[in-house]
C-alpha atoms as a PDB file:
ATOM      1  CA  MET A   1      23.675  37.603  41.591  1.00  0.00           C
ATOM      2  CA  ARG A   2      26.398  37.451  42.718  1.00  0.00           C
ATOM      3  CA  GLY A   3      29.812  38.842  41.544  1.00  0.00           C
ATOM      4  CA  VAL A   4      27.088  40.951  39.404  1.00  0.00           C
ATOM      5  CA  PRO A   5      27.720  45.205  40.286  1.00  0.00           C
ATOM      6  CA  ARG A   6      23.785  46.635  39.909  1.00  0.00           C
ATOM      7  CA  LEU A   7      24.090  50.652  39.727  1.00  0.00           C
ATOM      8  CA  ILE A   8      21.283  52.120  42.104  1.00  0.00           C
ATOM      9  CA  ASP A   9      21.178  55.755  40.392  1.00  0.00           C
ATOM     10  CA  VAL A  10      19.726  57.926  43.687  1.00  0.00           C
ATOM     11  CA  LYS A  11      18.986  60.959  42.004  1.00  0.00           C
ATOM     12  CA  HIS A  12      20.568  62.992  43.763  1.00  0.00           C
ATOM     13  CA  LEU A  13      18.064  66.568  43.559  1.00  0.00           C
ATOM     14  CA  GLY A  14      15.914  64.841  41.090  1.00  0.00           C
ATOM     15  CA  ARG A  15      18.680  64.563  38.386  1.00  0.00           C
ATOM     16  CA  ASP A  16      20.479  61.185  37.214  1.00  0.00           C
ATOM     17  CA  ARG A  17      24.114  60.550  37.050  1.00  0.00           C
ATOM     18  CA  VAL A  18      25.212  62.230  40.273  1.00  0.00           C
ATOM     19  CA  ILE A  19      25.622  60.224  42.747  1.00  0.00           C
ATOM     20  CA  GLY A  20      25.424  55.809  41.821  1.00  0.00           C
ATOM     21  CA  ALA A  21      25.642  53.487  44.557  1.00  0.00           C
ATOM     22  CA  TRP A  22      26.471  50.287  44.021  1.00  0.00           C
ATOM     23  CA  LEU A  23      25.618  46.452  44.687  1.00  0.00           C
ATOM     24  CA  VAL A  24      27.799  43.715  44.627  1.00  0.00           C
ATOM     25  CA  ASP A  25      27.278  40.667  46.501  1.00  0.00           C
ATOM     26  CA  GLY A  26      24.865  42.430  48.970  1.00  0.00           C
ATOM     27  CA  PHE A  27      27.348  45.004  49.792  1.00  0.00           C
ATOM     28  CA  VAL A  28      26.027  48.593  48.699  1.00  0.00           C
ATOM     29  CA  ILE A  29      29.320  50.279  48.275  1.00  0.00           C
ATOM     30  CA  ASP A  30      29.029  54.304  49.139  1.00  0.00           C
ATOM     31  CA  PRO A  31      24.819  54.476  49.800  1.00  0.00           C
ATOM     32  CA  GLY A  32      24.930  58.711  48.621  1.00  0.00           C
ATOM     33  CA  PRO A  33      23.509  60.729  50.956  1.00  0.00           C
ATOM     34  CA  GLU A  34      20.578  60.883  53.426  1.00  0.00           C
ATOM     35  CA  SER A  35      18.483  63.656  51.313  1.00  0.00           C
ATOM     36  CA  ASP A  36      18.346  60.898  48.722  1.00  0.00           C
ATOM     37  CA  VAL A  37      17.575  57.139  50.571  1.00  0.00           C
ATOM     38  CA  GLY A  38      14.126  57.016  49.178  1.00  0.00           C
ATOM     39  CA  GLU A  39      15.780  56.512  46.309  1.00  0.00           C
ATOM     40  CA  LEU A  40      18.248  54.277  47.187  1.00  0.00           C
ATOM     41  CA  LEU A  41      15.657  51.580  48.945  1.00  0.00           C
ATOM     42  CA  ALA A  42      13.397  51.620  45.782  1.00  0.00           C
ATOM     43  CA  GLY A  43      16.247  50.919  44.010  1.00  0.00           C
ATOM     44  CA  LEU A  44      17.463  47.718  46.457  1.00  0.00           C
ATOM     45  CA  GLY A  45      13.600  46.461  45.967  1.00  0.00           C
ATOM     46  CA  GLY A  46      13.069  45.301  49.593  1.00  0.00           C
ATOM     47  CA  GLU A  47      16.174  43.859  49.242  1.00  0.00           C
ATOM     48  CA  GLN A  48      18.501  44.134  52.419  1.00  0.00           C
ATOM     49  CA  PRO A  49      22.136  44.686  52.641  1.00  0.00           C
ATOM     50  CA  ARG A  50      24.399  42.534  54.124  1.00  0.00           C
ATOM     51  CA  GLY A  51      26.241  45.870  55.216  1.00  0.00           C
ATOM     52  CA  LEU A  52      27.855  48.969  53.494  1.00  0.00           C
ATOM     53  CA  LEU A  53      31.318  49.628  52.429  1.00  0.00           C
ATOM     54  CA  LEU A  54      31.872  53.566  52.540  1.00  0.00           C
ATOM     55  CA  THR A  55      35.099  54.650  50.197  1.00  0.00           C
ATOM     56  CA  HIS A  56      34.764  57.884  52.561  1.00  0.00           C
ATOM     57  CA  ILE A  57      32.659  59.616  54.667  1.00  0.00           C
ATOM     58  CA  HIS A  58      31.439  62.584  52.825  1.00  0.00           C
ATOM     59  CA  PHE A  59      28.095  63.503  53.067  1.00  0.00           C
ATOM     60  CA  ASP A  60      27.733  62.614  49.441  1.00  0.00           C
ATOM     61  CA  HIS A  61      28.890  59.212  49.710  1.00  0.00           C
ATOM     62  CA  ALA A  62      27.995  57.866  52.781  1.00  0.00           C
ATOM     63  CA  GLY A  63      25.222  60.778  54.054  1.00  0.00           C
ATOM     64  CA  ALA A  64      23.114  57.790  54.533  1.00  0.00           C
ATOM     65  CA  SER A  65      24.660  55.471  56.386  1.00  0.00           C
ATOM     66  CA  GLY A  66      23.290  56.249  59.913  1.00  0.00           C
ATOM     67  CA  ARG A  67      19.448  55.886  58.057  1.00  0.00           C
ATOM     68  CA  LEU A  68      20.187  52.333  56.959  1.00  0.00           C
ATOM     69  CA  VAL A  69      21.312  51.143  60.264  1.00  0.00           C
ATOM     70  CA  GLU A  70      17.963  52.615  61.948  1.00  0.00           C
ATOM     71  CA  ARG A  71      16.013  50.568  58.689  1.00  0.00           C
ATOM     72  CA  TRP A  72      17.877  47.204  59.638  1.00  0.00           C
ATOM     73  CA  PRO A  73      19.884  47.730  63.046  1.00  0.00           C
ATOM     74  CA  GLU A  74      22.370  44.622  62.332  1.00  0.00           C
ATOM     75  CA  LEU A  75      23.659  46.187  59.556  1.00  0.00           C
ATOM     76  CA  ALA A  76      27.260  46.778  59.113  1.00  0.00           C
ATOM     77  CA  VAL A  77      29.568  49.317  58.121  1.00  0.00           C
ATOM     78  CA  TYR A  78      33.037  49.666  56.514  1.00  0.00           C
ATOM     79  CA  VAL A  79      34.330  52.591  57.134  1.00  0.00           C
ATOM     80  CA  HIS A  80      38.814  53.680  57.199  1.00  0.00           C
ATOM     81  CA  GLU A  81      39.767  54.348  60.719  1.00  0.00           C
ATOM     82  CA  ASN A  82      40.009  58.013  60.212  1.00  0.00           C
ATOM     83  CA  GLY A  83      36.778  58.441  59.531  1.00  0.00           C
ATOM     84  CA  ALA A  84      35.013  56.006  62.220  1.00  0.00           C
ATOM     85  CA  ARG A  85      34.577  58.847  64.685  1.00  0.00           C
ATOM     86  CA  HIS A  86      32.354  61.291  62.973  1.00  0.00           C
ATOM     87  CA  LEU A  87      30.079  58.292  61.642  1.00  0.00           C
ATOM     88  CA  VAL A  88      29.587  57.781  65.649  1.00  0.00           C
ATOM     89  CA  ASP A  89      29.699  61.261  66.330  1.00  0.00           C
ATOM     90  CA  PRO A  90      28.946  63.336  63.125  1.00  0.00           C
ATOM     91  CA  ALA A  91      28.489  66.919  65.092  1.00  0.00           C
ATOM     92  CA  LYS A  92      31.797  68.464  64.049  1.00  0.00           C
ATOM     93  CA  LEU A  93      31.413  67.123  60.336  1.00  0.00           C
ATOM     94  CA  VAL A  94      28.472  68.670  59.886  1.00  0.00           C
ATOM     95  CA  ALA A  95      29.165  72.142  61.810  1.00  0.00           C
ATOM     96  CA  SER A  96      32.109  72.018  59.269  1.00  0.00           C
ATOM     97  CA  ALA A  97      30.743  71.508  56.393  1.00  0.00           C
ATOM     98  CA  ARG A  98      27.399  74.091  56.665  1.00  0.00           C
ATOM     99  CA  GLN A  99      30.393  76.201  57.239  1.00  0.00           C
ATOM    100  CA  LEU A 100      30.767  75.417  53.090  1.00  0.00           C
ATOM    101  CA  TRP A 101      27.141  74.712  52.156  1.00  0.00           C
ATOM    102  CA  GLY A 102      24.714  76.806  54.427  1.00  0.00           C
ATOM    103  CA  ASP A 103      21.590  77.136  54.279  1.00  0.00           C
ATOM    104  CA  ASP A 104      21.094  74.744  51.809  1.00  0.00           C
ATOM    105  CA  PHE A 105      23.038  71.789  53.792  1.00  0.00           C
ATOM    106  CA  ASP A 106      19.346  70.553  54.566  1.00  0.00           C
ATOM    107  CA  ARG A 107      18.634  70.661  51.150  1.00  0.00           C
ATOM    108  CA  LEU A 108      21.702  69.193  49.452  1.00  0.00           C
ATOM    109  CA  TRP A 109      22.333  66.194  52.303  1.00  0.00           C
ATOM    110  CA  GLY A 110      19.697  65.565  54.751  1.00  0.00           C
ATOM    111  CA  GLU A 111      19.577  64.489  58.057  1.00  0.00           C
ATOM    112  CA  VAL A 112      22.673  63.586  58.679  1.00  0.00           C
ATOM    113  CA  VAL A 113      22.499  60.330  61.483  1.00  0.00           C
ATOM    114  CA  PRO A 114      24.743  58.363  63.711  1.00  0.00           C
ATOM    115  CA  VAL A 115      26.341  55.385  63.560  1.00  0.00           C
ATOM    116  CA  PRO A 116      26.183  53.521  66.476  1.00  0.00           C
ATOM    117  CA  GLU A 117      29.823  52.187  67.124  1.00  0.00           C
ATOM    118  CA  GLU A 118      28.844  48.640  67.286  1.00  0.00           C
ATOM    119  CA  ASN A 119      27.705  48.519  63.921  1.00  0.00           C
ATOM    120  CA  LEU A 120      31.117  49.851  62.781  1.00  0.00           C
ATOM    121  CA  ARG A 121      34.028  47.628  61.317  1.00  0.00           C
ATOM    122  CA  VAL A 122      36.982  49.728  61.113  1.00  0.00           C
ATOM    123  CA  LEU A 123      39.214  49.005  58.375  1.00  0.00           C
ATOM    124  CA  SER A 124      43.114  50.769  58.248  1.00  0.00           C
ATOM    125  CA  GLY A 125      43.748  49.068  54.403  1.00  0.00           C
ATOM    126  CA  GLY A 126      44.720  45.959  53.656  1.00  0.00           C
ATOM    127  CA  GLU A 127      42.231  43.885  54.406  1.00  0.00           C
ATOM    128  CA  SER A 128      39.692  41.450  52.848  1.00  0.00           C
ATOM    129  CA  VAL A 129      36.170  41.832  52.925  1.00  0.00           C
ATOM    130  CA  GLU A 130      33.979  39.042  51.599  1.00  0.00           C
ATOM    131  CA  GLY A 131      35.578  38.869  48.115  1.00  0.00           C
ATOM    132  CA  PHE A 132      36.746  42.419  48.618  1.00  0.00           C
ATOM    133  CA  ASP A 133      40.424  43.312  48.701  1.00  0.00           C
ATOM    134  CA  VAL A 134      40.949  47.441  50.650  1.00  0.00           C
ATOM    135  CA  GLU A 135      43.668  49.342  49.405  1.00  0.00           C
ATOM    136  CA  TYR A 136      44.450  52.671  51.465  1.00  0.00           C
ATOM    137  CA  THR A 137      43.828  55.780  49.025  1.00  0.00           C
ATOM    138  CA  PRO A 138      44.017  59.287  50.584  1.00  0.00           C
ATOM    139  CA  GLY A 139      44.511  62.212  49.042  1.00  0.00           C
ATOM    140  CA  HIS A 140      40.733  63.190  47.985  1.00  0.00           C
ATOM    141  CA  ALA A 141      40.163  62.822  51.831  1.00  0.00           C
ATOM    142  CA  LYS A 142      42.368  61.081  55.074  1.00  0.00           C
ATOM    143  CA  HIS A 143      40.280  58.669  55.880  1.00  0.00           C
ATOM    144  CA  HIS A 144      39.280  57.006  51.931  1.00  0.00           C
ATOM    145  CA  VAL A 145      39.683  53.613  50.896  1.00  0.00           C
ATOM    146  CA  ALA A 146      38.950  52.018  47.602  1.00  0.00           C
ATOM    147  CA  TYR A 147      37.486  48.011  47.327  1.00  0.00           C
ATOM    148  CA  PHE A 148      38.419  45.829  44.714  1.00  0.00           C
ATOM    149  CA  HIS A 149      36.411  43.427  43.729  1.00  0.00           C
ATOM    150  CA  ARG A 150      38.235  39.513  43.313  1.00  0.00           C
ATOM    151  CA  GLU A 151      35.586  38.114  40.881  1.00  0.00           C
ATOM    152  CA  THR A 152      34.930  41.287  38.789  1.00  0.00           C
ATOM    153  CA  GLY A 153      38.352  42.807  38.732  1.00  0.00           C
ATOM    154  CA  HIS A 154      36.415  45.896  39.038  1.00  0.00           C
ATOM    155  CA  ALA A 155      38.152  48.656  41.417  1.00  0.00           C
ATOM    156  CA  TYR A 156      35.090  50.970  43.722  1.00  0.00           C
ATOM    157  CA  VAL A 157      37.270  54.017  44.016  1.00  0.00           C
ATOM    158  CA  GLY A 158      35.006  56.632  45.184  1.00  0.00           C
ATOM    159  CA  ASP A 159      36.599  60.124  43.700  1.00  0.00           C
ATOM    160  CA  MET A 160      39.901  59.186  43.457  1.00  0.00           C
ATOM    161  CA  ALA A 161      39.890  58.757  39.667  1.00  0.00           C
ATOM    162  CA  GLY A 162      37.501  62.051  39.252  1.00  0.00           C
ATOM    163  CA  VAL A 163      33.695  62.931  38.616  1.00  0.00           C
ATOM    164  CA  ARG A 164      33.296  61.969  35.207  1.00  0.00           C
ATOM    165  CA  ILE A 165      29.572  62.120  33.740  1.00  0.00           C
ATOM    166  CA  PRO A 166      28.314  60.333  30.900  1.00  0.00           C
ATOM    167  CA  PRO A 167      28.215  59.885  27.865  1.00  0.00           C
ATOM    168  CA  SER A 168      31.137  62.854  28.334  1.00  0.00           C
ATOM    169  CA  ASP A 169      35.134  61.449  28.881  1.00  0.00           C
ATOM    170  CA  LEU A 170      35.745  65.763  30.551  1.00  0.00           C
ATOM    171  CA  THR A 171      37.017  64.325  33.917  1.00  0.00           C
ATOM    172  CA  ARG A 172      37.462  66.899  36.863  1.00  0.00           C
ATOM    173  CA  ALA A 173      39.739  66.042  40.241  1.00  0.00           C
ATOM    174  CA  PRO A 174      37.321  66.752  42.719  1.00  0.00           C
ATOM    175  CA  THR A 175      39.381  69.050  45.212  1.00  0.00           C
ATOM    176  CA  PRO A 176      37.391  70.205  48.097  1.00  0.00           C
ATOM    177  CA  PRO A 177      38.326  70.925  51.353  1.00  0.00           C
ATOM    178  CA  PRO A 178      40.024  69.927  54.526  1.00  0.00           C
ATOM    179  CA  ASP A 179      42.106  67.142  53.626  1.00  0.00           C
ATOM    180  CA  ILE A 180      43.859  68.011  49.977  1.00  0.00           C
ATOM    181  CA  ASP A 181      46.906  66.575  49.190  1.00  0.00           C
ATOM    182  CA  VAL A 182      47.501  66.409  45.232  1.00  0.00           C
ATOM    183  CA  GLU A 183      51.145  63.954  46.248  1.00  0.00           C
ATOM    184  CA  ALA A 184      49.554  61.640  48.593  1.00  0.00           C
ATOM    185  CA  TRP A 185      46.499  61.550  45.533  1.00  0.00           C
ATOM    186  CA  LEU A 186      48.849  60.924  42.808  1.00  0.00           C
ATOM    187  CA  ASP A 187      50.868  57.852  44.418  1.00  0.00           C
ATOM    188  CA  SER A 188      46.559  56.119  44.923  1.00  0.00           C
ATOM    189  CA  VAL A 189      46.304  56.583  41.808  1.00  0.00           C
ATOM    190  CA  GLU A 190      49.420  55.079  40.936  1.00  0.00           C
ATOM    191  CA  ARG A 191      48.557  51.582  43.501  1.00  0.00           C
ATOM    192  CA  ILE A 192      45.405  52.121  42.158  1.00  0.00           C
ATOM    193  CA  GLU A 193      46.994  50.883  38.109  1.00  0.00           C
ATOM    194  CA  ALA A 194      49.576  48.561  39.823  1.00  0.00           C
ATOM    195  CA  ARG A 195      46.439  46.005  40.605  1.00  0.00           C
ATOM    196  CA  ALA A 196      45.672  46.031  37.317  1.00  0.00           C
ATOM    197  CA  PRO A 197      41.676  46.370  37.996  1.00  0.00           C
ATOM    198  CA  SER A 198      39.248  45.250  34.706  1.00  0.00           C
ATOM    199  CA  ALA A 199      37.242  48.207  35.503  1.00  0.00           C
ATOM    200  CA  VAL A 200      37.346  51.366  38.003  1.00  0.00           C
ATOM    201  CA  VAL A 201      33.943  52.793  39.009  1.00  0.00           C
ATOM    202  CA  LEU A 202      33.162  56.347  40.292  1.00  0.00           C
ATOM    203  CA  THR A 203      30.191  57.480  42.521  1.00  0.00           C
ATOM    204  CA  HIS A 204      30.143  60.345  39.976  1.00  0.00           C
ATOM    205  CA  PHE A 205      29.048  58.538  37.200  1.00  0.00           C
ATOM    206  CA  GLY A 206      29.123  54.888  36.379  1.00  0.00           C
ATOM    207  CA  ARG A 207      31.752  52.606  35.435  1.00  0.00           C
ATOM    208  CA  VAL A 208      35.028  52.744  33.104  1.00  0.00           C
ATOM    209  CA  ASP A 209      36.042  50.739  31.544  1.00  0.00           C
ATOM    210  CA  ASP A 210      39.490  52.290  29.832  1.00  0.00           C
ATOM    211  CA  VAL A 211      41.348  52.390  33.294  1.00  0.00           C
ATOM    212  CA  ALA A 212      44.302  53.538  31.715  1.00  0.00           C
ATOM    213  CA  GLY A 213      42.989  56.557  29.793  1.00  0.00           C
ATOM    214  CA  GLN A 214      40.678  57.291  33.512  1.00  0.00           C
ATOM    215  CA  LEU A 215      43.150  57.381  35.494  1.00  0.00           C
ATOM    216  CA  ASP A 216      45.372  59.538  33.326  1.00  0.00           C
ATOM    217  CA  ALA A 217      42.725  61.819  32.942  1.00  0.00           C
ATOM    218  CA  VAL A 218      42.357  62.553  36.752  1.00  0.00           C
ATOM    219  CA  ARG A 219      46.191  62.697  36.882  1.00  0.00           C
ATOM    220  CA  ASP A 220      45.722  65.316  34.571  1.00  0.00           C
ATOM    221  CA  ALA A 221      42.539  66.969  35.859  1.00  0.00           C
ATOM    222  CA  LEU A 222      44.663  67.708  39.472  1.00  0.00           C
ATOM    223  CA  ARG A 223      47.388  68.577  38.143  1.00  0.00           C
ATOM    224  CA  SER A 224      46.443  71.540  36.238  1.00  0.00           C
ATOM    225  CA  GLN A 225      43.186  71.978  38.436  1.00  0.00           C
ATOM    226  CA  ALA A 226      46.162  72.360  41.386  1.00  0.00           C
ATOM    227  CA  GLU A 227      48.524  74.723  39.269  1.00  0.00           C
ATOM    228  CA  LEU A 228      45.801  76.965  38.410  1.00  0.00           C
ATOM    229  CA  ALA A 229      44.868  77.278  41.769  1.00  0.00           C
ATOM    230  CA  ARG A 230      48.185  78.519  43.184  1.00  0.00           C
ATOM    231  CA  ASP A 231      48.600  80.706  40.296  1.00  0.00           C
ATOM    232  CA  ALA A 232      45.071  82.093  39.570  1.00  0.00           C
ATOM    233  CA  GLU A 233      41.867  83.839  41.510  1.00  0.00           C
ATOM    234  CA  GLU A 234      38.754  81.974  42.396  1.00  0.00           C
ATOM    235  CA  ASP A 235      37.229  83.815  39.653  1.00  0.00           C
ATOM    236  CA  GLU A 236      39.962  82.729  36.712  1.00  0.00           C
ATOM    237  CA  PHE A 237      39.936  79.135  38.316  1.00  0.00           C
ATOM    238  CA  VAL A 238      35.769  78.631  38.027  1.00  0.00           C
ATOM    239  CA  ALA A 239      35.627  80.284  34.631  1.00  0.00           C
ATOM    240  CA  THR A 240      38.375  78.250  33.583  1.00  0.00           C
ATOM    241  CA  LEU A 241      36.337  75.283  34.379  1.00  0.00           C
ATOM    242  CA  GLU A 242      33.440  76.001  33.321  1.00  0.00           C
ATOM    243  CA  ARG A 243      34.506  77.127  29.853  1.00  0.00           C
ATOM    244  CA  ALA A 244      36.288  73.492  29.178  1.00  0.00           C
ATOM    245  CA  ALA A 245      32.252  72.243  30.404  1.00  0.00           C
ATOM    246  CA  ALA A 246      30.457  74.507  28.281  1.00  0.00           C
ATOM    247  CA  GLU A 247      32.675  73.453  25.001  1.00  0.00           C
ATOM    248  CA  ARG A 248      32.499  70.353  25.716  1.00  0.00           C
ATOM    249  CA  LEU A 249      29.117  69.140  27.371  1.00  0.00           C
ATOM    250  CA  ASP A 250      25.480  69.881  26.761  1.00  0.00           C
ATOM    251  CA  PRO A 251      23.559  71.824  28.837  1.00  0.00           C
ATOM    252  CA  ALA A 252      21.978  69.123  30.588  1.00  0.00           C
ATOM    253  CA  THR A 253      25.248  67.148  31.295  1.00  0.00           C
ATOM    254  CA  ALA A 254      26.938  70.096  32.455  1.00  0.00           C
ATOM    255  CA  GLU A 255      24.576  70.991  35.135  1.00  0.00           C
ATOM    256  CA  ARG A 256      25.128  67.451  36.706  1.00  0.00           C
ATOM    257  CA  LEU A 257      28.934  67.668  36.713  1.00  0.00           C
ATOM    258  CA  LEU A 258      28.514  70.779  38.647  1.00  0.00           C
ATOM    259  CA  ASP A 259      25.838  69.067  40.912  1.00  0.00           C
ATOM    260  CA  ALA A 260      28.526  66.354  41.136  1.00  0.00           C
ATOM    261  CA  GLY A 261      31.292  68.794  42.522  1.00  0.00           C
ATOM    262  CA  ASP A 262      31.309  73.271  42.998  1.00  0.00           C
ATOM    263  CA  PRO A 263      34.296  74.455  41.301  1.00  0.00           C
ATOM    264  CA  HIS A 264      34.382  77.008  44.451  1.00  0.00           C
ATOM    265  CA  HIS A 265      35.000  74.317  46.259  1.00  0.00           C
ATOM    266  CA  PHE A 266      37.691  73.084  44.650  1.00  0.00           C
ATOM    267  CA  TYR A 267      39.626  76.338  44.263  1.00  0.00           C
ATOM    268  CA  ALA A 268      38.907  76.637  48.124  1.00  0.00           C
ATOM    269  CA  GLY A 269      40.878  72.608  48.825  1.00  0.00           C
ATOM    270  CA  LEU A 270      43.487  73.742  46.383  1.00  0.00           C
ATOM    271  CA  ARG A 271      43.997  77.241  47.688  1.00  0.00           C
ATOM    272  CA  ARG A 272      44.075  75.051  51.818  1.00  0.00           C
ATOM    273  CA  TYR A 273      46.521  72.796  49.725  1.00  0.00           C
ATOM    274  CA  TRP A 274      48.914  75.029  48.445  1.00  0.00           C
ATOM    275  CA  SER A 275      49.267  76.866  51.782  1.00  0.00           C
ATOM    276  CA  LYS A 276      50.000  73.513  54.132  1.00  0.00           C
ATOM    277  CA  VAL A 277      53.298  73.596  51.411  1.00  0.00           C
ATOM    278  CA  ALA A 278      54.403  76.566  51.973  1.00  0.00           C
ATOM    279  CA  ALA A 279      53.953  75.856  55.822  1.00  0.00           C
END
């Protein structure tokens, strides 16, 4: 039914509540990694999507895009202009990511298949796409956008409202390298809030109806993580985040929170941010 969003849990690494793709008005928002494409197709139940709406091109959000275009050669792929070239030729992006994940890359993300240039619909922010309004939302990535669904008022914000694994409301700001910009992120959150969405929809994981509460939570997480990364060594940073998770989450939820984002990577992204600030 048009206007009714449907969550497809792609069961990343065989676990629920880690990565969620969304089917809205026939569009798949953030299809997830290629390694989980089988779960996505099962969730679609034979339905051919009208297109893919990518919030950004990180593999946990967009890695399945090329594989889906192989299956449906006419599939339109909407992506911000700063990320489009990496979908056409992902070799540099994959090489950089392999430095971060090493031998785990293939297990985590699968094969990153290029997207033909003719399938791309390149965005800069400010467009309207089939009932969605597009807002450029940098901070987590230079090529991040959010999609505001006019009929429901839902905002599909990718990683901009944080990582939160239900049933908990514990929120982390996912800050992996290379593009973290704390000021830009906070500004993007302000612009998301200014549109007064009825809900924010997180890839990691689910719809949150308390918009003000969730946006406050990601602001607080981002500021506190940034300050901690500026002042602390990596071991202390990671231990602080892990201690908060152990105090508030059951073991299964804590495991999924880690699957959705590694604190070691969050530290690396924030240290890179602080080095840029100091330069």
